[in-house]
Amino acid sequence: MEELNQLYTKIYDIYETHHDKVKEWSMISWGKLDATVLKEEADIQESTVRKLKKNIPSISKYSPFQKLESTISGFKTSLPLIE
């Protein structure tokens, strides 16, 4: 049980970072929004998820991780619309 809680904590920490960044960016006017910064941050978050998946292969079977992966991937996919 403790092991599962640690996994969920790692997943939530990444999600929380992503959510906080998106919230921060949503407060910036379109004219001041830097798409390069958004892409760089999305790359960092995607890399963090990949490293977690590499270090803990079994994490892929948990739905919170699948949702996290989907959320970050969806965000990154939407970036060309902002540019």
PDB file of N, CA and C in Angstrom:
ATOM      1  N   MET A   1       0.823  -1.195   0.000  1.00  0.00           N
ATOM      2  CA  MET A   1       0.000   0.000   0.000  1.00  0.00           C
ATOM      3  C   MET A   1       0.871   1.266   0.000  1.00  0.00           C
ATOM      4  N   GLU A   2       1.919   1.241   0.790  1.00  0.00           N
ATOM      5  CA  GLU A   2       2.817   2.392   0.873  1.00  0.00           C
ATOM      6  C   GLU A   2       3.487   2.653  -0.484  1.00  0.00           C
ATOM      7  N   GLU A   3       3.841   1.583  -1.156  1.00  0.00           N
ATOM      8  CA  GLU A   3       4.476   1.696  -2.462  1.00  0.00           C
ATOM      9  C   GLU A   3       3.539   2.362  -3.477  1.00  0.00           C
ATOM     10  N   LEU A   4       2.284   1.981  -3.429  1.00  0.00           N
ATOM     11  CA  LEU A   4       1.284   2.562  -4.327  1.00  0.00           C
ATOM     12  C   LEU A   4       1.087   4.049  -4.015  1.00  0.00           C
ATOM     13  N   ASN A   5       1.069   4.388  -2.736  1.00  0.00           N
ATOM     14  CA  ASN A   5       0.944   5.801  -2.348  1.00  0.00           C
ATOM     15  C   ASN A   5       2.127   6.618  -2.856  1.00  0.00           C
ATOM     16  N   GLN A   6       3.304   6.051  -2.828  1.00  0.00           N
ATOM     17  CA  GLN A   6       4.491   6.756  -3.338  1.00  0.00           C
ATOM     18  C   GLN A   6       4.389   6.980  -4.844  1.00  0.00           C
ATOM     19  N   LEU A   7       3.886   5.968  -5.546  1.00  0.00           N
ATOM     20  CA  LEU A   7       3.688   6.122  -6.994  1.00  0.00           C
ATOM     21  C   LEU A   7       2.688   7.229  -7.286  1.00  0.00           C
ATOM     22  N   TYR A   8       1.584   7.213  -6.581  1.00  0.00           N
ATOM     23  CA  TYR A   8       0.548   8.225  -6.795  1.00  0.00           C
ATOM     24  C   TYR A   8       1.066   9.617  -6.445  1.00  0.00           C
ATOM     25  N   THR A   9       1.898   9.707  -5.441  1.00  0.00           N
ATOM     26  CA  THR A   9       2.482  10.998  -5.064  1.00  0.00           C
ATOM     27  C   THR A   9       3.372  11.526  -6.186  1.00  0.00           C
ATOM     28  N   LYS A  10       4.184  10.654  -6.777  1.00  0.00           N
ATOM     29  CA  LYS A  10       5.044  11.064  -7.884  1.00  0.00           C
ATOM     30  C   LYS A  10       4.201  11.544  -9.070  1.00  0.00           C
ATOM     31  N   ILE A  11       3.161  10.802  -9.375  1.00  0.00           N
ATOM     32  CA  ILE A  11       2.263  11.169 -10.474  1.00  0.00           C
ATOM     33  C   ILE A  11       1.612  12.519 -10.190  1.00  0.00           C
ATOM     34  N   TYR A  12       1.094  12.672  -8.980  1.00  0.00           N
ATOM     35  CA  TYR A  12       0.405  13.916  -8.635  1.00  0.00           C
ATOM     36  C   TYR A  12       1.349  15.108  -8.649  1.00  0.00           C
ATOM     37  N   ASP A  13       2.577  14.918  -8.196  1.00  0.00           N
ATOM     38  CA  ASP A  13       3.542  16.019  -8.185  1.00  0.00           C
ATOM     39  C   ASP A  13       3.795  16.552  -9.598  1.00  0.00           C
ATOM     40  N   ILE A  14       3.922  15.640 -10.557  1.00  0.00           N
ATOM     41  CA  ILE A  14       4.120  16.056 -11.947  1.00  0.00           C
ATOM     42  C   ILE A  14       2.870  16.762 -12.460  1.00  0.00           C
ATOM     43  N   TYR A  15       1.713  16.182 -12.169  1.00  0.00           N
ATOM     44  CA  TYR A  15       0.458  16.797 -12.613  1.00  0.00           C
ATOM     45  C   TYR A  15       0.291  18.189 -12.004  1.00  0.00           C
ATOM     46  N   GLU A  16       0.593  18.313 -10.725  1.00  0.00           N
ATOM     47  CA  GLU A  16       0.446  19.598 -10.039  1.00  0.00           C
ATOM     48  C   GLU A  16       1.351  20.660 -10.666  1.00  0.00           C
ATOM     49  N   THR A  17       2.577  20.278 -10.994  1.00  0.00           N
ATOM     50  CA  THR A  17       3.492  21.204 -11.658  1.00  0.00           C
ATOM     51  C   THR A  17       2.919  21.653 -12.998  1.00  0.00           C
ATOM     52  N   HIS A  18       2.422  20.693 -13.773  1.00  0.00           N
ATOM     53  CA  HIS A  18       1.824  21.009 -15.070  1.00  0.00           C
ATOM     54  C   HIS A  18       0.619  21.937 -14.891  1.00  0.00           C
ATOM     55  N   HIS A  19      -0.246  21.585 -13.987  1.00  0.00           N
ATOM     56  CA  HIS A  19      -1.457  22.374 -13.750  1.00  0.00           C
ATOM     57  C   HIS A  19      -1.111  23.806 -13.316  1.00  0.00           C
ATOM     58  N   ASP A  20      -0.142  23.944 -12.429  1.00  0.00           N
ATOM     59  CA  ASP A  20       0.266  25.273 -11.963  1.00  0.00           C
ATOM     60  C   ASP A  20       0.821  26.119 -13.103  1.00  0.00           C
ATOM     61  N   LYS A  21       1.613  25.494 -13.975  1.00  0.00           N
ATOM     62  CA  LYS A  21       2.168  26.226 -15.126  1.00  0.00           C
ATOM     63  C   LYS A  21       1.055  26.684 -16.065  1.00  0.00           C
ATOM     64  N   VAL A  22       0.129  25.790 -16.362  1.00  0.00           N
ATOM     65  CA  VAL A  22      -0.979  26.149 -17.257  1.00  0.00           C
ATOM     66  C   VAL A  22      -1.803  27.277 -16.645  1.00  0.00           C
ATOM     67  N   LYS A  23      -2.029  27.198 -15.356  1.00  0.00           N
ATOM     68  CA  LYS A  23      -2.787  28.254 -14.664  1.00  0.00           C
ATOM     69  C   LYS A  23      -2.040  29.592 -14.748  1.00  0.00           C
ATOM     70  N   GLU A  24      -0.737  29.540 -14.549  1.00  0.00           N
ATOM     71  CA  GLU A  24       0.090  30.748 -14.636  1.00  0.00           C
ATOM     72  C   GLU A  24       0.034  31.342 -16.047  1.00  0.00           C
ATOM     73  N   TRP A  25       0.146  30.489 -17.048  1.00  0.00           N
ATOM     74  CA  TRP A  25       0.117  30.964 -18.430  1.00  0.00           C
ATOM     75  C   TRP A  25      -1.247  31.506 -18.827  1.00  0.00           C
ATOM     76  N   SER A  26      -2.284  30.982 -18.233  1.00  0.00           N
ATOM     77  CA  SER A  26      -3.624  31.443 -18.587  1.00  0.00           C
ATOM     78  C   SER A  26      -3.873  32.878 -18.125  1.00  0.00           C
ATOM     79  N   MET A  27      -3.045  33.375 -17.232  1.00  0.00           N
ATOM     80  CA  MET A  27      -3.185  34.741 -16.729  1.00  0.00           C
ATOM     81  C   MET A  27      -2.407  35.756 -17.575  1.00  0.00           C
ATOM     82  N   ILE A  28      -1.614  35.258 -18.527  1.00  0.00           N
ATOM     83  CA  ILE A  28      -0.801  36.130 -19.370  1.00  0.00           C
ATOM     84  C   ILE A  28      -1.596  36.483 -20.633  1.00  0.00           C
ATOM     85  N   SER A  29      -1.515  37.736 -21.039  1.00  0.00           N
ATOM     86  CA  SER A  29      -2.227  38.135 -22.256  1.00  0.00           C
ATOM     87  C   SER A  29      -1.588  37.448 -23.466  1.00  0.00           C
ATOM     88  N   TRP A  30      -2.398  37.227 -24.500  1.00  0.00           N
ATOM     89  CA  TRP A  30      -1.932  36.531 -25.700  1.00  0.00           C
ATOM     90  C   TRP A  30      -0.711  37.215 -26.313  1.00  0.00           C
ATOM     91  N   GLY A  31      -0.683  38.518 -26.250  1.00  0.00           N
ATOM     92  CA  GLY A  31       0.426  39.268 -26.840  1.00  0.00           C
ATOM     93  C   GLY A  31       1.756  39.041 -26.142  1.00  0.00           C
ATOM     94  N   LYS A  32       1.711  38.711 -24.872  1.00  0.00           N
ATOM     95  CA  LYS A  32       2.936  38.512 -24.092  1.00  0.00           C
ATOM     96  C   LYS A  32       3.300  37.037 -23.939  1.00  0.00           C
ATOM     97  N   LEU A  33       2.456  36.168 -24.427  1.00  0.00           N
ATOM     98  CA  LEU A  33       2.680  34.733 -24.298  1.00  0.00           C
ATOM     99  C   LEU A  33       3.782  34.285 -25.252  1.00  0.00           C
ATOM    100  N   ASP A  34       4.780  33.613 -24.730  1.00  0.00           N
ATOM    101  CA  ASP A  34       5.915  33.141 -25.528  1.00  0.00           C
ATOM    102  C   ASP A  34       5.751  31.647 -25.805  1.00  0.00           C
ATOM    103  N   ALA A  35       5.427  31.313 -27.048  1.00  0.00           N
ATOM    104  CA  ALA A  35       5.182  29.920 -27.429  1.00  0.00           C
ATOM    105  C   ALA A  35       6.429  29.058 -27.238  1.00  0.00           C
ATOM    106  N   THR A  36       7.597  29.652 -27.362  1.00  0.00           N
ATOM    107  CA  THR A  36       8.843  28.896 -27.177  1.00  0.00           C
ATOM    108  C   THR A  36       8.963  28.413 -25.735  1.00  0.00           C
ATOM    109  N   VAL A  37       8.612  29.253 -24.803  1.00  0.00           N
ATOM    110  CA  VAL A  37       8.650  28.875 -23.390  1.00  0.00           C
ATOM    111  C   VAL A  37       7.651  27.753 -23.117  1.00  0.00           C
ATOM    112  N   LEU A  38       6.479  27.858 -23.708  1.00  0.00           N
ATOM    113  CA  LEU A  38       5.474  26.813 -23.534  1.00  0.00           C
ATOM    114  C   LEU A  38       5.991  25.478 -24.066  1.00  0.00           C
ATOM    115  N   LYS A  39       6.601  25.509 -25.244  1.00  0.00           N
ATOM    116  CA  LYS A  39       7.121  24.278 -25.844  1.00  0.00           C
ATOM    117  C   LYS A  39       8.245  23.692 -25.007  1.00  0.00           C
ATOM    118  N   GLU A  40       9.133  24.537 -24.533  1.00  0.00           N
ATOM    119  CA  GLU A  40      10.240  24.057 -23.697  1.00  0.00           C
ATOM    120  C   GLU A  40       9.717  23.408 -22.418  1.00  0.00           C
ATOM    121  N   GLU A  41       8.752  24.041 -21.796  1.00  0.00           N
ATOM    122  CA  GLU A  41       8.187  23.482 -20.564  1.00  0.00           C
ATOM    123  C   GLU A  41       7.454  22.174 -20.851  1.00  0.00           C
ATOM    124  N   ALA A  42       6.735  22.108 -21.945  1.00  0.00           N
ATOM    125  CA  ALA A  42       6.044  20.869 -22.322  1.00  0.00           C
ATOM    126  C   ALA A  42       7.051  19.748 -22.565  1.00  0.00           C
ATOM    127  N   ASP A  43       8.175  20.078 -23.183  1.00  0.00           N
ATOM    128  CA  ASP A  43       9.228  19.090 -23.414  1.00  0.00           C
ATOM    129  C   ASP A  43       9.801  18.578 -22.093  1.00  0.00           C
ATOM    130  N   ILE A  44       9.996  19.477 -21.154  1.00  0.00           N
ATOM    131  CA  ILE A  44      10.511  19.097 -19.827  1.00  0.00           C
ATOM    132  C   ILE A  44       9.529  18.164 -19.128  1.00  0.00           C
ATOM    133  N   GLN A  45       8.263  18.528 -19.155  1.00  0.00           N
ATOM    134  CA  GLN A  45       7.250  17.700 -18.499  1.00  0.00           C
ATOM    135  C   GLN A  45       7.126  16.342 -19.164  1.00  0.00           C
ATOM    136  N   GLU A  46       7.163  16.324 -20.485  1.00  0.00           N
ATOM    137  CA  GLU A  46       7.089  15.064 -21.212  1.00  0.00           C
ATOM    138  C   GLU A  46       8.299  14.185 -20.885  1.00  0.00           C
ATOM    139  N   SER A  47       9.456  14.788 -20.793  1.00  0.00           N
ATOM    140  CA  SER A  47      10.681  14.071 -20.439  1.00  0.00           C
ATOM    141  C   SER A  47      10.579  13.497 -19.024  1.00  0.00           C
ATOM    142  N   THR A  48      10.027  14.256 -18.113  1.00  0.00           N
ATOM    143  CA  THR A  48       9.852  13.791 -16.734  1.00  0.00           C
ATOM    144  C   THR A  48       8.943  12.565 -16.693  1.00  0.00           C
ATOM    145  N   VAL A  49       7.874  12.600 -17.466  1.00  0.00           N
ATOM    146  CA  VAL A  49       6.949  11.467 -17.527  1.00  0.00           C
ATOM    147  C   VAL A  49       7.649  10.245 -18.121  1.00  0.00           C
ATOM    148  N   ARG A  50       8.412  10.442 -19.185  1.00  0.00           N
ATOM    149  CA  ARG A  50       9.142   9.331 -19.810  1.00  0.00           C
ATOM    150  C   ARG A  50      10.157   8.717 -18.853  1.00  0.00           C
ATOM    151  N   LYS A  51      10.864   9.558 -18.103  1.00  0.00           N
ATOM    152  CA  LYS A  51      11.840   9.056 -17.129  1.00  0.00           C
ATOM    153  C   LYS A  51      11.148   8.245 -16.036  1.00  0.00           C
ATOM    154  N   LEU A  52      10.018   8.730 -15.573  1.00  0.00           N
ATOM    155  CA  LEU A  52       9.271   8.011 -14.552  1.00  0.00           C
ATOM    156  C   LEU A  52       8.838   6.646 -15.083  1.00  0.00           C
ATOM    157  N   LYS A  53       8.366   6.639 -16.314  1.00  0.00           N
ATOM    158  CA  LYS A  53       7.921   5.390 -16.955  1.00  0.00           C
ATOM    159  C   LYS A  53       9.102   4.430 -17.146  1.00  0.00           C
ATOM    160  N   LYS A  54      10.257   4.973 -17.483  1.00  0.00           N
ATOM    161  CA  LYS A  54      11.457   4.146 -17.676  1.00  0.00           C
ATOM    162  C   LYS A  54      11.935   3.567 -16.345  1.00  0.00           C
ATOM    163  N   ASN A  55      11.913   4.386 -15.307  1.00  0.00           N
ATOM    164  CA  ASN A  55      12.393   3.944 -13.996  1.00  0.00           C
ATOM    165  C   ASN A  55      11.424   3.008 -13.279  1.00  0.00           C
ATOM    166  N   ILE A  56      10.140   3.156 -13.576  1.00  0.00           N
ATOM    167  CA  ILE A  56       9.114   2.324 -12.942  1.00  0.00           C
ATOM    168  C   ILE A  56       8.178   1.820 -14.040  1.00  0.00           C
ATOM    169  N   PRO A  57       8.604   0.806 -14.784  1.00  0.00           N
ATOM    170  CA  PRO A  57       7.798   0.328 -15.917  1.00  0.00           C
ATOM    171  C   PRO A  57       6.358  -0.061 -15.554  1.00  0.00           C
ATOM    172  N   SER A  58       6.143  -0.553 -14.354  1.00  0.00           N
ATOM    173  CA  SER A  58       4.799  -0.980 -13.951  1.00  0.00           C
ATOM    174  C   SER A  58       3.829   0.181 -13.774  1.00  0.00           C
ATOM    175  N   ILE A  59       4.356   1.403 -13.759  1.00  0.00           N
ATOM    176  CA  ILE A  59       3.493   2.564 -13.517  1.00  0.00           C
ATOM    177  C   ILE A  59       2.493   2.783 -14.649  1.00  0.00           C
ATOM    178  N   SER A  60       2.815   2.272 -15.827  1.00  0.00           N
ATOM    179  CA  SER A  60       1.940   2.459 -16.996  1.00  0.00           C
ATOM    180  C   SER A  60       0.565   1.830 -16.826  1.00  0.00           C
ATOM    181  N   LYS A  61       0.448   0.874 -15.941  1.00  0.00           N
ATOM    182  CA  LYS A  61      -0.840   0.200 -15.783  1.00  0.00           C
ATOM    183  C   LYS A  61      -1.812   0.961 -14.871  1.00  0.00           C
ATOM    184  N   TYR A  62      -1.351   2.012 -14.242  1.00  0.00           N
ATOM    185  CA  TYR A  62      -2.212   2.771 -13.329  1.00  0.00           C
ATOM    186  C   TYR A  62      -2.906   3.905 -14.074  1.00  0.00           C
ATOM    187  N   SER A  63      -4.197   4.006 -13.886  1.00  0.00           N
ATOM    188  CA  SER A  63      -4.974   5.011 -14.620  1.00  0.00           C
ATOM    189  C   SER A  63      -4.548   6.458 -14.328  1.00  0.00           C
ATOM    190  N   PRO A  64      -4.135   6.812 -13.102  1.00  0.00           N
ATOM    191  CA  PRO A  64      -3.673   8.197 -12.901  1.00  0.00           C
ATOM    192  C   PRO A  64      -2.452   8.524 -13.771  1.00  0.00           C
ATOM    193  N   PHE A  65      -1.564   7.556 -13.950  1.00  0.00           N
ATOM    194  CA  PHE A  65      -0.404   7.795 -14.806  1.00  0.00           C
ATOM    195  C   PHE A  65      -0.842   7.930 -16.266  1.00  0.00           C
ATOM    196  N   GLN A  66      -1.762   7.088 -16.683  1.00  0.00           N
ATOM    197  CA  GLN A  66      -2.265   7.162 -18.052  1.00  0.00           C
ATOM    198  C   GLN A  66      -2.915   8.518 -18.310  1.00  0.00           C
ATOM    199  N   LYS A  67      -3.645   9.008 -17.332  1.00  0.00           N
ATOM    200  CA  LYS A  67      -4.301  10.315 -17.448  1.00  0.00           C
ATOM    201  C   LYS A  67      -3.250  11.434 -17.509  1.00  0.00           C
ATOM    202  N   LEU A  68      -2.219  11.327 -16.677  1.00  0.00           N
ATOM    203  CA  LEU A  68      -1.137  12.305 -16.685  1.00  0.00           C
ATOM    204  C   LEU A  68      -0.454  12.338 -18.043  1.00  0.00           C
ATOM    205  N   GLU A  69      -0.128  11.179 -18.554  1.00  0.00           N
ATOM    206  CA  GLU A  69       0.523  11.070 -19.849  1.00  0.00           C
ATOM    207  C   GLU A  69      -0.345  11.687 -20.948  1.00  0.00           C
ATOM    208  N   SER A  70      -1.613  11.395 -20.892  1.00  0.00           N
ATOM    209  CA  SER A  70      -2.566  11.918 -21.872  1.00  0.00           C
ATOM    210  C   SER A  70      -2.696  13.445 -21.769  1.00  0.00           C
ATOM    211  N   THR A  71      -2.742  13.945 -20.557  1.00  0.00           N
ATOM    212  CA  THR A  71      -2.883  15.388 -20.329  1.00  0.00           C
ATOM    213  C   THR A  71      -1.686  16.154 -20.884  1.00  0.00           C
ATOM    214  N   ILE A  72      -0.498  15.689 -20.567  1.00  0.00           N
ATOM    215  CA  ILE A  72       0.711  16.379 -21.023  1.00  0.00           C
ATOM    216  C   ILE A  72       0.874  16.239 -22.533  1.00  0.00           C
ATOM    217  N   SER A  73       0.575  15.079 -23.053  1.00  0.00           N
ATOM    218  CA  SER A  73       0.641  14.868 -24.504  1.00  0.00           C
ATOM    219  C   SER A  73      -0.361  15.765 -25.224  1.00  0.00           C
ATOM    220  N   GLY A  74      -1.575  15.856 -24.687  1.00  0.00           N
ATOM    221  CA  GLY A  74      -2.603  16.714 -25.277  1.00  0.00           C
ATOM    222  C   GLY A  74      -2.212  18.177 -25.259  1.00  0.00           C
ATOM    223  N   PHE A  75      -1.587  18.593 -24.179  1.00  0.00           N
ATOM    224  CA  PHE A  75      -1.130  19.976 -24.082  1.00  0.00           C
ATOM    225  C   PHE A  75      -0.080  20.255 -25.139  1.00  0.00           C
ATOM    226  N   LYS A  76       0.883  19.346 -25.236  1.00  0.00           N
ATOM    227  CA  LYS A  76       1.962  19.527 -26.199  1.00  0.00           C
ATOM    228  C   LYS A  76       1.421  19.525 -27.639  1.00  0.00           C
ATOM    229  N   THR A  77       0.456  18.687 -27.901  1.00  0.00           N
ATOM    230  CA  THR A  77      -0.154  18.615 -29.222  1.00  0.00           C
ATOM    231  C   THR A  77      -0.887  19.908 -29.573  1.00  0.00           C
ATOM    232  N   SER A  78      -1.421  20.596 -28.573  1.00  0.00           N
ATOM    233  CA  SER A  78      -2.185  21.816 -28.825  1.00  0.00           C
ATOM    234  C   SER A  78      -1.298  23.048 -29.030  1.00  0.00           C
ATOM    235  N   LEU A  79      -0.035  22.948 -28.727  1.00  0.00           N
ATOM    236  CA  LEU A  79       0.847  24.115 -28.820  1.00  0.00           C
ATOM    237  C   LEU A  79       0.934  24.739 -30.224  1.00  0.00           C
ATOM    238  N   PRO A  80       0.957  23.961 -31.295  1.00  0.00           N
ATOM    239  CA  PRO A  80       1.000  24.609 -32.620  1.00  0.00           C
ATOM    240  C   PRO A  80      -0.189  25.541 -32.872  1.00  0.00           C
ATOM    241  N   LEU A  81      -1.302  25.316 -32.195  1.00  0.00           N
ATOM    242  CA  LEU A  81      -2.451  26.199 -32.348  1.00  0.00           C
ATOM    243  C   LEU A  81      -2.194  27.574 -31.742  1.00  0.00           C
ATOM    244  N   ILE A  82      -1.310  27.621 -30.755  1.00  0.00           N
ATOM    245  CA  ILE A  82      -1.006  28.871 -30.066  1.00  0.00           C
ATOM    246  C   ILE A  82       0.021  29.681 -30.852  1.00  0.00           C
ATOM    247  N   GLU A  83       0.918  28.999 -31.544  1.00  0.00           N
ATOM    248  CA  GLU A  83       2.001  29.684 -32.274  1.00  0.00           C
ATOM    249  C   GLU A  83       1.488  30.481 -33.394  1.00  0.00           C
TER     250      GLU A  83
END
